[in-house]
Protein backbone atom coordinates (compact mmCIF):
# COMPACT_ATOMS: atom_id res chain seq x y z
CA ALA A 1 0.96 68.77 -7.53
CA ARG A 2 1.72 70.49 -10.80
CA THR A 3 0.93 68.56 -13.93
CA PHE A 4 1.97 68.58 -17.56
CA ASP A 5 -0.23 67.83 -20.55
CA PHE A 6 1.00 64.46 -21.77
CA GLY A 7 -1.67 64.20 -24.43
CA GLU A 8 -4.66 61.93 -24.80
CA TYR A 9 -4.29 58.45 -23.34
CA TYR A 10 -7.49 56.87 -24.57
CA SER A 11 -8.80 56.25 -28.05
CA LYS A 12 -12.28 57.76 -27.89
CA ASP A 13 -13.66 55.58 -30.69
CA LYS A 14 -12.53 52.21 -29.33
CA GLY A 15 -12.20 52.92 -25.61
CA LEU A 16 -8.78 51.30 -25.65
CA LEU A 17 -5.66 52.48 -23.95
CA GLY A 18 -3.40 54.48 -26.22
CA LEU A 19 -0.28 56.31 -25.17
CA MET A 20 1.72 59.11 -26.68
CA PRO A 21 5.42 58.62 -25.82
CA TYR A 22 6.54 61.14 -23.19
CA GLU A 23 9.35 62.37 -25.43
CA LYS A 24 6.84 63.34 -28.15
CA ALA A 25 4.17 64.82 -25.90
CA PRO A 26 3.67 68.59 -25.64
CA ASN A 27 4.75 69.95 -22.27
CA HIS A 28 4.09 73.41 -21.00
CA GLU A 29 4.46 74.94 -17.60
CA TYR A 30 3.14 78.43 -17.03
CA ASN A 31 2.59 78.71 -20.82
CA LYS A 32 6.28 78.16 -21.58
CA ALA A 33 7.59 75.16 -23.48
CA TRP A 34 9.58 72.79 -21.31
CA ASP A 35 12.96 71.63 -22.60
CA ARG A 36 12.92 67.84 -22.92
CA ALA A 37 16.55 67.45 -24.01
CA ASP A 38 17.34 64.86 -21.33
CA ASP A 39 13.74 63.52 -21.15
CA SER A 40 13.56 64.03 -17.40
CA SER A 41 10.59 65.30 -15.47
CA PRO A 42 11.17 67.95 -12.81
CA VAL A 43 10.63 66.69 -9.28
CA GLY A 44 7.13 67.27 -7.98
CA ASN A 45 5.27 66.95 -11.29
CA ALA A 46 2.48 64.42 -11.65
CA ARG A 47 2.02 62.26 -14.73
CA LYS A 48 -1.23 60.67 -15.80
CA CYS A 49 -1.57 57.03 -14.86
CA HIS A 50 -1.50 54.86 -17.96
CA PHE A 51 -2.22 51.70 -15.98
CA CYS A 52 1.33 50.43 -16.60
CA LEU A 53 0.81 50.08 -20.34
CA HIS A 54 4.29 48.55 -20.65
CA ARG A 55 3.14 45.72 -18.34
CA ILE A 56 -0.25 45.26 -20.02
CA GLU A 57 1.46 44.86 -23.40
CA ARG A 58 3.42 41.94 -21.89
CA GLY A 59 0.27 40.33 -20.48
CA LEU A 60 0.89 41.48 -16.89
CA LEU A 61 -1.37 43.37 -14.51
CA PRO A 62 -0.58 46.97 -13.51
CA GLN A 63 1.86 47.22 -10.62
CA CYS A 64 -0.73 48.74 -8.26
CA VAL A 65 -2.92 45.65 -8.68
CA THR A 66 -0.13 43.15 -8.05
CA THR A 67 1.25 44.96 -4.99
CA CYS A 68 -2.01 45.85 -3.22
CA MET A 69 -1.76 43.87 0.02
CA GLY A 70 -5.47 44.23 0.76
CA ARG A 71 -6.49 42.98 -2.69
CA ALA A 72 -8.64 46.09 -3.05
CA THR A 73 -7.57 46.90 -6.61
CA TYR A 74 -8.98 45.18 -9.69
CA PHE A 75 -8.13 45.58 -13.36
CA GLY A 76 -9.89 44.20 -16.39
CA ASP A 77 -12.13 44.75 -19.39
CA ALA A 78 -15.22 46.66 -18.32
CA ASN A 79 -16.77 46.00 -21.75
CA ASP A 80 -16.65 42.21 -21.26
CA PRO A 81 -19.89 41.25 -19.47
CA LYS A 82 -18.26 38.04 -18.18
CA SER A 83 -15.34 39.81 -16.46
CA LEU A 84 -15.10 40.38 -12.72
CA VAL A 85 -14.53 44.10 -13.30
CA SER A 86 -17.72 44.37 -15.35
CA GLU A 87 -19.62 42.62 -12.57
CA LEU A 88 -18.16 44.89 -9.87
CA ILE A 89 -18.88 48.17 -11.67
CA GLY A 90 -22.44 47.04 -12.36
CA LYS A 91 -23.28 47.23 -8.67
CA PRO A 92 -25.09 50.27 -7.19
CA ASN A 93 -22.24 51.27 -4.86
CA VAL A 94 -19.91 52.50 -7.64
CA MET A 95 -18.71 56.02 -8.39
CA ARG A 96 -16.30 57.74 -10.77
CA LEU A 97 -14.65 61.01 -9.76
CA LYS A 98 -15.69 64.15 -11.64
CA GLU A 99 -17.68 62.19 -14.18
CA GLU A 100 -19.96 65.20 -14.58
CA LEU A 101 -17.10 67.15 -16.17
CA GLY A 102 -17.16 64.87 -19.21
CA THR A 103 -13.64 63.54 -18.63
CA ASP A 104 -14.77 59.91 -19.06
CA PRO A 105 -12.76 58.58 -16.09
CA ARG A 106 -11.59 54.98 -16.36
CA VAL A 107 -11.21 54.42 -12.61
CA TYR A 108 -14.23 53.23 -10.65
CA TYR A 109 -14.51 53.36 -6.86
CA LEU A 110 -16.57 50.82 -4.91
CA THR A 111 -18.08 52.47 -1.86
């Protein structure tokens, strides 16, 4: 899938979720600026997951967590040692994709 650069989603100093509004984000495809007049995204383009920031701000869990029938998705504060997420990612069977590239992924996979 093609992607657009929607800017930085995470505050590096605090580790908190931050989001640049899509209408203000720089967008380039094949080194050409993309016209955002109607604020639509062409079909087939991927956007970064922002963990449903609009839901988190209202005190709700991301949609993927609430709709996962197998209850295989967890969301929480990894910096809180008392949280379930912190406990889960502290186990030896955890991986993060392409961590070696320095992208600081926020998604952990339990294997």
